């Protein structure tokens, strides 16, 4: 499992290997998902009072609200999982 920490805004991080999806919060199903997570006490709000711009869904069914754009988070996850093929480990 990938154990890299990804910044999701305001000094908060998530373990990249635990994330299932990063989605836009505007759709009706995502609003319902957010409400259900709140009812089940599985919501983590790291927006610091700002507008929710992305929803991060984890493998533990926690829903994380972030004020960082989904595209930005996706880029952070992509760059964290990138392995440079020209480098090799010497052991």
PDB file of N, CA and C in Angstrom:
ATOM      1  N   UNK A   1       0.841  -1.176   0.000  1.00  0.00           N
ATOM      2  CA  UNK A   1       0.000   0.000   0.000  1.00  0.00           C
ATOM      3  C   UNK A   1       0.887   1.241   0.000  1.00  0.00           C
ATOM      4  N   UNK A   2       0.465   2.223  -0.753  1.00  0.00           N
ATOM      5  CA  UNK A   2       1.193   3.483  -0.843  1.00  0.00           C
ATOM      6  C   UNK A   2       1.001   4.267   0.452  1.00  0.00           C
ATOM      7  N   UNK A   3       2.095   4.637   1.115  1.00  0.00           N
ATOM      8  CA  UNK A   3       2.025   5.306   2.409  1.00  0.00           C
ATOM      9  C   UNK A   3       2.388   6.781   2.329  1.00  0.00           C
ATOM     10  N   UNK A   4       2.397   7.367   1.135  1.00  0.00           N
ATOM     11  CA  UNK A   4       2.751   8.785   1.012  1.00  0.00           C
ATOM     12  C   UNK A   4       1.621   9.660   1.528  1.00  0.00           C
ATOM     13  N   UNK A   5       2.008  10.763   2.181  1.00  0.00           N
ATOM     14  CA  UNK A   5       1.025  11.737   2.639  1.00  0.00           C
ATOM     15  C   UNK A   5       0.822  12.789   1.563  1.00  0.00           C
ATOM     16  N   UNK A   6      -0.429  13.089   1.278  1.00  0.00           N
ATOM     17  CA  UNK A   6      -0.782  14.081   0.270  1.00  0.00           C
ATOM     18  C   UNK A   6      -1.457  15.251   0.972  1.00  0.00           C
ATOM     19  N   UNK A   7      -0.985  16.465   0.692  1.00  0.00           N
ATOM     20  CA  UNK A   7      -1.560  17.668   1.273  1.00  0.00           C
ATOM     21  C   UNK A   7      -2.940  17.898   0.661  1.00  0.00           C
ATOM     22  N   UNK A   8      -3.953  18.002   1.537  1.00  0.00           N
ATOM     23  CA  UNK A   8      -5.318  18.233   1.061  1.00  0.00           C
ATOM     24  C   UNK A   8      -5.826  19.606   1.479  1.00  0.00           C
ATOM     25  N   UNK A   9      -4.908  20.454   1.953  1.00  0.00           N
ATOM     26  CA  UNK A   9      -5.262  21.831   2.283  1.00  0.00           C
ATOM     27  C   UNK A   9      -5.062  22.180   3.739  1.00  0.00           C
ATOM     28  N   UNK A  10      -4.570  23.388   3.978  1.00  0.00           N
ATOM     29  CA  UNK A  10      -4.386  23.948   5.313  1.00  0.00           C
ATOM     30  C   UNK A  10      -3.556  23.060   6.234  1.00  0.00           C
ATOM     31  N   UNK A  11      -2.518  22.446   5.680  1.00  0.00           N
ATOM     32  CA  UNK A  11      -1.619  21.627   6.484  1.00  0.00           C
ATOM     33  C   UNK A  11      -2.155  20.247   6.820  1.00  0.00           C
ATOM     34  N   UNK A  12      -3.268  19.871   6.242  1.00  0.00           N
ATOM     35  CA  UNK A  12      -3.855  18.552   6.470  1.00  0.00           C
ATOM     36  C   UNK A  12      -3.419  17.602   5.371  1.00  0.00           C
ATOM     37  N   UNK A  13      -3.228  16.350   5.738  1.00  0.00           N
ATOM     38  CA  UNK A  13      -2.763  15.350   4.781  1.00  0.00           C
ATOM     39  C   UNK A  13      -3.580  14.076   4.911  1.00  0.00           C
ATOM     40  N   UNK A  14      -3.534  13.282   3.860  1.00  0.00           N
ATOM     41  CA  UNK A  14      -4.188  11.981   3.852  1.00  0.00           C
ATOM     42  C   UNK A  14      -3.200  10.973   3.264  1.00  0.00           C
ATOM     43  N   UNK A  15      -3.264   9.731   3.744  1.00  0.00           N
ATOM     44  CA  UNK A  15      -2.408   8.673   3.203  1.00  0.00           C
ATOM     45  C   UNK A  15      -2.954   8.299   1.828  1.00  0.00           C
ATOM     46  N   UNK A  16      -2.128   8.443   0.809  1.00  0.00           N
ATOM     47  CA  UNK A  16      -2.603   8.269  -0.566  1.00  0.00           C
ATOM     48  C   UNK A  16      -3.152   6.872  -0.837  1.00  0.00           C
ATOM     49  N   UNK A  17      -2.634   5.863  -0.194  1.00  0.00           N
ATOM     50  CA  UNK A  17      -3.094   4.492  -0.423  1.00  0.00           C
ATOM     51  C   UNK A  17      -4.472   4.209   0.136  1.00  0.00           C
ATOM     52  N   UNK A  18      -4.999   5.093   0.968  1.00  0.00           N
ATOM     53  CA  UNK A  18      -6.318   4.892   1.567  1.00  0.00           C
ATOM     54  C   UNK A  18      -7.433   5.571   0.785  1.00  0.00           C
ATOM     55  N   UNK A  19      -7.067   6.375  -0.212  1.00  0.00           N
ATOM     56  CA  UNK A  19      -8.057   7.147  -0.959  1.00  0.00           C
ATOM     57  C   UNK A  19      -8.619   6.318  -2.111  1.00  0.00           C
ATOM     58  N   UNK A  20      -9.949   6.292  -2.205  1.00  0.00           N
ATOM     59  CA  UNK A  20     -10.626   5.587  -3.288  1.00  0.00           C
ATOM     60  C   UNK A  20     -10.969   6.545  -4.414  1.00  0.00           C
ATOM     61  N   UNK A  21     -11.443   7.763  -4.048  1.00  0.00           N
ATOM     62  CA  UNK A  21     -11.883   8.703  -5.080  1.00  0.00           C
ATOM     63  C   UNK A  21     -11.781  10.137  -4.591  1.00  0.00           C
ATOM     64  N   UNK A  22     -11.579  11.039  -5.558  1.00  0.00           N
ATOM     65  CA  UNK A  22     -11.652  12.482  -5.326  1.00  0.00           C
ATOM     66  C   UNK A  22     -12.717  12.978  -6.296  1.00  0.00           C
ATOM     67  N   UNK A  23     -13.798  13.551  -5.742  1.00  0.00           N
ATOM     68  CA  UNK A  23     -14.941  13.909  -6.580  1.00  0.00           C
ATOM     69  C   UNK A  23     -15.372  15.352  -6.353  1.00  0.00           C
ATOM     70  N   UNK A  24     -16.128  15.848  -7.318  1.00  0.00           N
ATOM     71  CA  UNK A  24     -16.692  17.182  -7.248  1.00  0.00           C
ATOM     72  C   UNK A  24     -17.950  17.129  -6.374  1.00  0.00           C
ATOM     73  N   UNK A  25     -18.115  18.047  -5.431  1.00  0.00           N
ATOM     74  CA  UNK A  25     -19.239  17.975  -4.496  1.00  0.00           C
ATOM     75  C   UNK A  25     -20.568  18.517  -5.018  1.00  0.00           C
ATOM     76  N   UNK A  26     -20.610  19.002  -6.247  1.00  0.00           N
ATOM     77  CA  UNK A  26     -21.802  19.693  -6.739  1.00  0.00           C
ATOM     78  C   UNK A  26     -22.946  18.776  -7.150  1.00  0.00           C
ATOM     79  N   UNK A  27     -22.661  17.543  -7.489  1.00  0.00           N
ATOM     80  CA  UNK A  27     -23.732  16.668  -7.968  1.00  0.00           C
ATOM     81  C   UNK A  27     -24.638  16.226  -6.815  1.00  0.00           C
ATOM     82  N   UNK A  28     -25.852  15.902  -7.164  1.00  0.00           N
ATOM     83  CA  UNK A  28     -26.844  15.480  -6.176  1.00  0.00           C
ATOM     84  C   UNK A  28     -26.407  14.210  -5.411  1.00  0.00           C
ATOM     85  N   UNK A  29     -25.854  13.195  -6.088  1.00  0.00           N
ATOM     86  CA  UNK A  29     -25.404  12.014  -5.349  1.00  0.00           C
ATOM     87  C   UNK A  29     -24.282  12.322  -4.342  1.00  0.00           C
ATOM     88  N   UNK A  30     -23.411  13.263  -4.679  1.00  0.00           N
ATOM     89  CA  UNK A  30     -22.328  13.611  -3.755  1.00  0.00           C
ATOM     90  C   UNK A  30     -22.860  14.389  -2.545  1.00  0.00           C
ATOM     91  N   UNK A  31     -23.883  15.200  -2.761  1.00  0.00           N
ATOM     92  CA  UNK A  31     -24.514  15.895  -1.637  1.00  0.00           C
ATOM     93  C   UNK A  31     -25.177  14.884  -0.706  1.00  0.00           C
ATOM     94  N   UNK A  32     -25.808  13.868  -1.283  1.00  0.00           N
ATOM     95  CA  UNK A  32     -26.435  12.812  -0.482  1.00  0.00           C
ATOM     96  C   UNK A  32     -25.370  12.020   0.273  1.00  0.00           C
ATOM     97  N   UNK A  33     -24.266  11.707  -0.389  1.00  0.00           N
ATOM     98  CA  UNK A  33     -23.165  10.992   0.251  1.00  0.00           C
ATOM     99  C   UNK A  33     -22.632  11.780   1.442  1.00  0.00           C
ATOM    100  N   UNK A  34     -22.474  13.083   1.267  1.00  0.00           N
ATOM    101  CA  UNK A  34     -21.981  13.947   2.342  1.00  0.00           C
ATOM    102  C   UNK A  34     -22.956  13.948   3.525  1.00  0.00           C
ATOM    103  N   UNK A  35     -24.236  14.046   3.252  1.00  0.00           N
ATOM    104  CA  UNK A  35     -25.243  14.035   4.315  1.00  0.00           C
ATOM    105  C   UNK A  35     -25.261  12.702   5.064  1.00  0.00           C
ATOM    106  N   UNK A  36     -25.155  11.600   4.326  1.00  0.00           N
ATOM    107  CA  UNK A  36     -25.130  10.278   4.957  1.00  0.00           C
ATOM    108  C   UNK A  36     -23.890  10.108   5.829  1.00  0.00           C
ATOM    109  N   UNK A  37     -22.749  10.572   5.340  1.00  0.00           N
ATOM    110  CA  UNK A  37     -21.511  10.483   6.117  1.00  0.00           C
ATOM    111  C   UNK A  37     -21.624  11.305   7.401  1.00  0.00           C
ATOM    112  N   UNK A  38     -22.251  12.462   7.311  1.00  0.00           N
ATOM    113  CA  UNK A  38     -22.448  13.306   8.494  1.00  0.00           C
ATOM    114  C   UNK A  38     -23.330  12.579   9.521  1.00  0.00           C
ATOM    115  N   UNK A  39     -24.400  11.941   9.038  1.00  0.00           N
ATOM    116  CA  UNK A  39     -25.297  11.196   9.932  1.00  0.00           C
ATOM    117  C   UNK A  39     -24.584  10.032  10.611  1.00  0.00           C
ATOM    118  N   UNK A  40     -23.660   9.396   9.888  1.00  0.00           N
ATOM    119  CA  UNK A  40     -22.922   8.245  10.417  1.00  0.00           C
ATOM    120  C   UNK A  40     -21.650   8.642  11.165  1.00  0.00           C
ATOM    121  N   UNK A  41     -21.419   9.941  11.304  1.00  0.00           N
ATOM    122  CA  UNK A  41     -20.222  10.476  11.964  1.00  0.00           C
ATOM    123  C   UNK A  41     -18.944   9.987  11.292  1.00  0.00           C
ATOM    124  N   UNK A  42     -18.981   9.956   9.953  1.00  0.00           N
ATOM    125  CA  UNK A  42     -17.829   9.531   9.151  1.00  0.00           C
ATOM    126  C   UNK A  42     -17.334  10.660   8.264  1.00  0.00           C
ATOM    127  N   UNK A  43     -17.599  11.903   8.655  1.00  0.00           N
ATOM    128  CA  UNK A  43     -17.202  13.043   7.843  1.00  0.00           C
ATOM    129  C   UNK A  43     -16.061  13.777   8.529  1.00  0.00           C
ATOM    130  N   UNK A  44     -15.100  14.208   7.725  1.00  0.00           N
ATOM    131  CA  UNK A  44     -13.966  14.987   8.218  1.00  0.00           C
ATOM    132  C   UNK A  44     -13.915  16.256   7.388  1.00  0.00           C
ATOM    133  N   UNK A  45     -14.107  17.392   8.040  1.00  0.00           N
ATOM    134  CA  UNK A  45     -14.157  18.674   7.344  1.00  0.00           C
ATOM    135  C   UNK A  45     -12.838  19.415   7.572  1.00  0.00           C
ATOM    136  N   UNK A  46     -12.043  19.563   6.514  1.00  0.00           N
ATOM    137  CA  UNK A  46     -10.762  20.280   6.615  1.00  0.00           C
ATOM    138  C   UNK A  46     -10.786  21.567   5.799  1.00  0.00           C
ATOM    139  N   UNK A  47     -11.991  22.114   5.594  1.00  0.00           N
ATOM    140  CA  UNK A  47     -12.127  23.314   4.773  1.00  0.00           C
ATOM    141  C   UNK A  47     -11.827  24.601   5.533  1.00  0.00           C
ATOM    142  N   UNK A  48     -11.782  24.539   6.858  1.00  0.00           N
ATOM    143  CA  UNK A  48     -11.582  25.720   7.703  1.00  0.00           C
ATOM    144  C   UNK A  48     -12.574  26.828   7.371  1.00  0.00           C
ATOM    145  N   UNK A  49     -13.838  26.437   7.159  1.00  0.00           N
ATOM    146  CA  UNK A  49     -14.900  27.395   6.914  1.00  0.00           C
ATOM    147  C   UNK A  49     -15.026  27.876   5.487  1.00  0.00           C
ATOM    148  N   UNK A  50     -14.166  27.411   4.621  1.00  0.00           N
ATOM    149  CA  UNK A  50     -14.250  27.821   3.222  1.00  0.00           C
ATOM    150  C   UNK A  50     -15.187  26.892   2.455  1.00  0.00           C
ATOM    151  N   UNK A  51     -15.451  27.238   1.218  1.00  0.00           N
ATOM    152  CA  UNK A  51     -16.340  26.440   0.385  1.00  0.00           C
ATOM    153  C   UNK A  51     -15.727  25.069   0.096  1.00  0.00           C
ATOM    154  N   UNK A  52     -16.542  24.027   0.143  1.00  0.00           N
ATOM    155  CA  UNK A  52     -16.093  22.676  -0.195  1.00  0.00           C
ATOM    156  C   UNK A  52     -15.957  22.575  -1.708  1.00  0.00           C
ATOM    157  N   UNK A  53     -14.745  22.294  -2.167  1.00  0.00           N
ATOM    158  CA  UNK A  53     -14.493  22.175  -3.607  1.00  0.00           C
ATOM    159  C   UNK A  53     -14.248  20.738  -4.039  1.00  0.00           C
ATOM    160  N   UNK A  54     -13.936  19.865  -3.074  1.00  0.00           N
ATOM    161  CA  UNK A  54     -13.762  18.457  -3.428  1.00  0.00           C
ATOM    162  C   UNK A  54     -14.120  17.576  -2.245  1.00  0.00           C
ATOM    163  N   UNK A  55     -14.521  16.363  -2.572  1.00  0.00           N
ATOM    164  CA  UNK A  55     -14.829  15.345  -1.575  1.00  0.00           C
ATOM    165  C   UNK A  55     -13.875  14.187  -1.818  1.00  0.00           C
ATOM    166  N   UNK A  56     -13.214  13.763  -0.754  1.00  0.00           N
ATOM    167  CA  UNK A  56     -12.281  12.640  -0.825  1.00  0.00           C
ATOM    168  C   UNK A  56     -12.937  11.468  -0.108  1.00  0.00           C
ATOM    169  N   UNK A  57     -13.020  10.340  -0.785  1.00  0.00           N
ATOM    170  CA  UNK A  57     -13.635   9.138  -0.210  1.00  0.00           C
ATOM    171  C   UNK A  57     -12.519   8.140   0.091  1.00  0.00           C
ATOM    172  N   UNK A  58     -12.497   7.618   1.321  1.00  0.00           N
ATOM    173  CA  UNK A  58     -11.444   6.695   1.722  1.00  0.00           C
ATOM    174  C   UNK A  58     -11.963   5.256   1.779  1.00  0.00           C
ATOM    175  N   UNK A  59     -11.038   4.323   1.902  1.00  0.00           N
ATOM    176  CA  UNK A  59     -11.406   2.915   1.961  1.00  0.00           C
ATOM    177  C   UNK A  59     -12.109   2.533   3.259  1.00  0.00           C
ATOM    178  N   UNK A  60     -12.091   3.418   4.251  1.00  0.00           N
ATOM    179  CA  UNK A  60     -12.790   3.170   5.513  1.00  0.00           C
ATOM    180  C   UNK A  60     -14.176   3.826   5.518  1.00  0.00           C
ATOM    181  N   UNK A  61     -14.622   4.284   4.349  1.00  0.00           N
ATOM    182  CA  UNK A  61     -15.906   4.963   4.160  1.00  0.00           C
ATOM    183  C   UNK A  61     -15.970   6.324   4.843  1.00  0.00           C
ATOM    184  N   UNK A  62     -14.834   6.897   5.161  1.00  0.00           N
ATOM    185  CA  UNK A  62     -14.812   8.272   5.647  1.00  0.00           C
ATOM    186  C   UNK A  62     -14.895   9.203   4.441  1.00  0.00           C
ATOM    187  N   UNK A  63     -15.544  10.329   4.660  1.00  0.00           N
ATOM    188  CA  UNK A  63     -15.705  11.332   3.617  1.00  0.00           C
ATOM    189  C   UNK A  63     -15.006  12.588   4.104  1.00  0.00           C
ATOM    190  N   UNK A  64     -14.013  13.047   3.343  1.00  0.00           N
ATOM    191  CA  UNK A  64     -13.223  14.216   3.725  1.00  0.00           C
ATOM    192  C   UNK A  64     -13.602  15.368   2.807  1.00  0.00           C
ATOM    193  N   UNK A  65     -13.963  16.494   3.423  1.00  0.00           N
ATOM    194  CA  UNK A  65     -14.308  17.695   2.667  1.00  0.00           C
ATOM    195  C   UNK A  65     -13.078  18.586   2.602  1.00  0.00           C
ATOM    196  N   UNK A  66     -12.712  19.002   1.403  1.00  0.00           N
ATOM    197  CA  UNK A  66     -11.532  19.841   1.206  1.00  0.00           C
ATOM    198  C   UNK A  66     -11.907  21.069   0.388  1.00  0.00           C
ATOM    199  N   UNK A  67     -11.187  22.158   0.626  1.00  0.00           N
ATOM    200  CA  UNK A  67     -11.422  23.372  -0.156  1.00  0.00           C
ATOM    201  C   UNK A  67     -10.475  23.473  -1.346  1.00  0.00           C
ATOM    202  N   UNK A  68      -9.721  22.417  -1.606  1.00  0.00           N
ATOM    203  CA  UNK A  68      -8.810  22.364  -2.757  1.00  0.00           C
ATOM    204  C   UNK A  68      -9.571  21.741  -3.930  1.00  0.00           C
ATOM    205  N   UNK A  69      -9.358  22.288  -5.127  1.00  0.00           N
ATOM    206  CA  UNK A  69     -10.027  21.792  -6.336  1.00  0.00           C
ATOM    207  C   UNK A  69      -9.688  20.309  -6.578  1.00  0.00           C
ATOM    208  N   UNK A  70     -10.652  19.523  -7.082  1.00  0.00           N
ATOM    209  CA  UNK A  70     -10.377  18.112  -7.373  1.00  0.00           C
ATOM    210  C   UNK A  70      -9.216  17.916  -8.349  1.00  0.00           C
ATOM    211  N   UNK A  71      -9.099  18.806  -9.347  1.00  0.00           N
ATOM    212  CA  UNK A  71      -8.016  18.685 -10.325  1.00  0.00           C
ATOM    213  C   UNK A  71      -6.649  18.838  -9.648  1.00  0.00           C
ATOM    214  N   UNK A  72      -6.561  19.766  -8.703  1.00  0.00           N
ATOM    215  CA  UNK A  72      -5.302  19.989  -7.979  1.00  0.00           C
ATOM    216  C   UNK A  72      -4.955  18.766  -7.149  1.00  0.00           C
ATOM    217  N   UNK A  73      -5.944  18.206  -6.449  1.00  0.00           N
ATOM    218  CA  UNK A  73      -5.690  17.013  -5.640  1.00  0.00           C
ATOM    219  C   UNK A  73      -5.283  15.834  -6.513  1.00  0.00           C
ATOM    220  N   UNK A  74      -5.941  15.693  -7.648  1.00  0.00           N
ATOM    221  CA  UNK A  74      -5.601  14.602  -8.571  1.00  0.00           C
ATOM    222  C   UNK A  74      -4.158  14.723  -9.041  1.00  0.00           C
ATOM    223  N   UNK A  75      -3.717  15.932  -9.326  1.00  0.00           N
ATOM    224  CA  UNK A  75      -2.317  16.150  -9.724  1.00  0.00           C
ATOM    225  C   UNK A  75      -1.377  15.776  -8.588  1.00  0.00           C
ATOM    226  N   UNK A  76      -1.739  16.121  -7.366  1.00  0.00           N
ATOM    227  CA  UNK A  76      -0.887  15.782  -6.217  1.00  0.00           C
ATOM    228  C   UNK A  76      -0.785  14.275  -6.042  1.00  0.00           C
ATOM    229  N   UNK A  77      -1.897  13.567  -6.224  1.00  0.00           N
ATOM    230  CA  UNK A  77      -1.860  12.110  -6.124  1.00  0.00           C
ATOM    231  C   UNK A  77      -1.047  11.514  -7.263  1.00  0.00           C
ATOM    232  N   UNK A  78      -1.189  12.046  -8.461  1.00  0.00           N
ATOM    233  CA  UNK A  78      -0.454  11.535  -9.617  1.00  0.00           C
ATOM    234  C   UNK A  78       1.042  11.714  -9.446  1.00  0.00           C
ATOM    235  N   UNK A  79       1.462  12.886  -8.983  1.00  0.00           N
ATOM    236  CA  UNK A  79       2.894  13.130  -8.815  1.00  0.00           C
ATOM    237  C   UNK A  79       3.462  12.332  -7.653  1.00  0.00           C
ATOM    238  N   UNK A  80       2.642  12.018  -6.671  1.00  0.00           N
ATOM    239  CA  UNK A  80       3.120  11.228  -5.527  1.00  0.00           C
ATOM    240  C   UNK A  80       3.327   9.774  -5.909  1.00  0.00           C
ATOM    241  N   UNK A  81       2.548   9.279  -6.866  1.00  0.00           N
ATOM    242  CA  UNK A  81       2.673   7.877  -7.245  1.00  0.00           C
ATOM    243  C   UNK A  81       3.653   7.670  -8.392  1.00  0.00           C
ATOM    244  N   UNK A  82       4.182   8.779  -8.950  1.00  0.00           N
ATOM    245  CA  UNK A  82       5.113   8.681 -10.063  1.00  0.00           C
ATOM    246  C   UNK A  82       6.464   8.154  -9.580  1.00  0.00           C
ATOM    247  N   UNK A  83       6.977   7.165 -10.256  1.00  0.00           N
ATOM    248  CA  UNK A  83       8.308   6.641  -9.972  1.00  0.00           C
ATOM    249  C   UNK A  83       9.165   6.877 -11.192  1.00  0.00           C
ATOM    250  N   UNK A  84      10.283   7.548 -11.026  1.00  0.00           N
ATOM    251  CA  UNK A  84      11.176   7.859 -12.134  1.00  0.00           C
ATOM    252  C   UNK A  84      11.868   6.570 -12.583  1.00  0.00           C
ATOM    253  N   UNK A  85      11.628   6.116 -13.810  1.00  0.00           N
ATOM    254  CA  UNK A  85      12.200   4.844 -14.274  1.00  0.00           C
ATOM    255  C   UNK A  85      13.722   4.921 -14.473  1.00  0.00           C
ATOM    256  N   UNK A  86      14.289   6.113 -14.498  1.00  0.00           N
ATOM    257  CA  UNK A  86      15.745   6.209 -14.704  1.00  0.00           C
ATOM    258  C   UNK A  86      16.523   6.031 -13.413  1.00  0.00           C
ATOM    259  N   UNK A  87      15.818   6.055 -12.270  1.00  0.00           N
ATOM    260  CA  UNK A  87      16.516   5.858 -11.006  1.00  0.00           C
ATOM    261  C   UNK A  87      16.361   4.410 -10.570  1.00  0.00           C
ATOM    262  N   UNK A  88      17.392   3.899  -9.956  1.00  0.00           N
ATOM    263  CA  UNK A  88      17.341   2.523  -9.444  1.00  0.00           C
ATOM    264  C   UNK A  88      17.813   2.539  -8.014  1.00  0.00           C
ATOM    265  N   UNK A  89      17.324   1.578  -7.242  1.00  0.00           N
ATOM    266  CA  UNK A  89      17.770   1.444  -5.865  1.00  0.00           C
ATOM    267  C   UNK A  89      19.019   0.584  -5.850  1.00  0.00           C
ATOM    268  N   UNK A  90      19.992   1.044  -5.080  1.00  0.00           N
ATOM    269  CA  UNK A  90      21.210   0.257  -4.931  1.00  0.00           C
ATOM    270  C   UNK A  90      21.175  -0.363  -3.565  1.00  0.00           C
ATOM    271  N   UNK A  91      21.427  -1.607  -3.483  1.00  0.00           N
ATOM    272  CA  UNK A  91      21.264  -2.250  -2.195  1.00  0.00           C
ATOM    273  C   UNK A  91      22.367  -3.108  -1.890  1.00  0.00           C
TER     274      UNK A  91
END
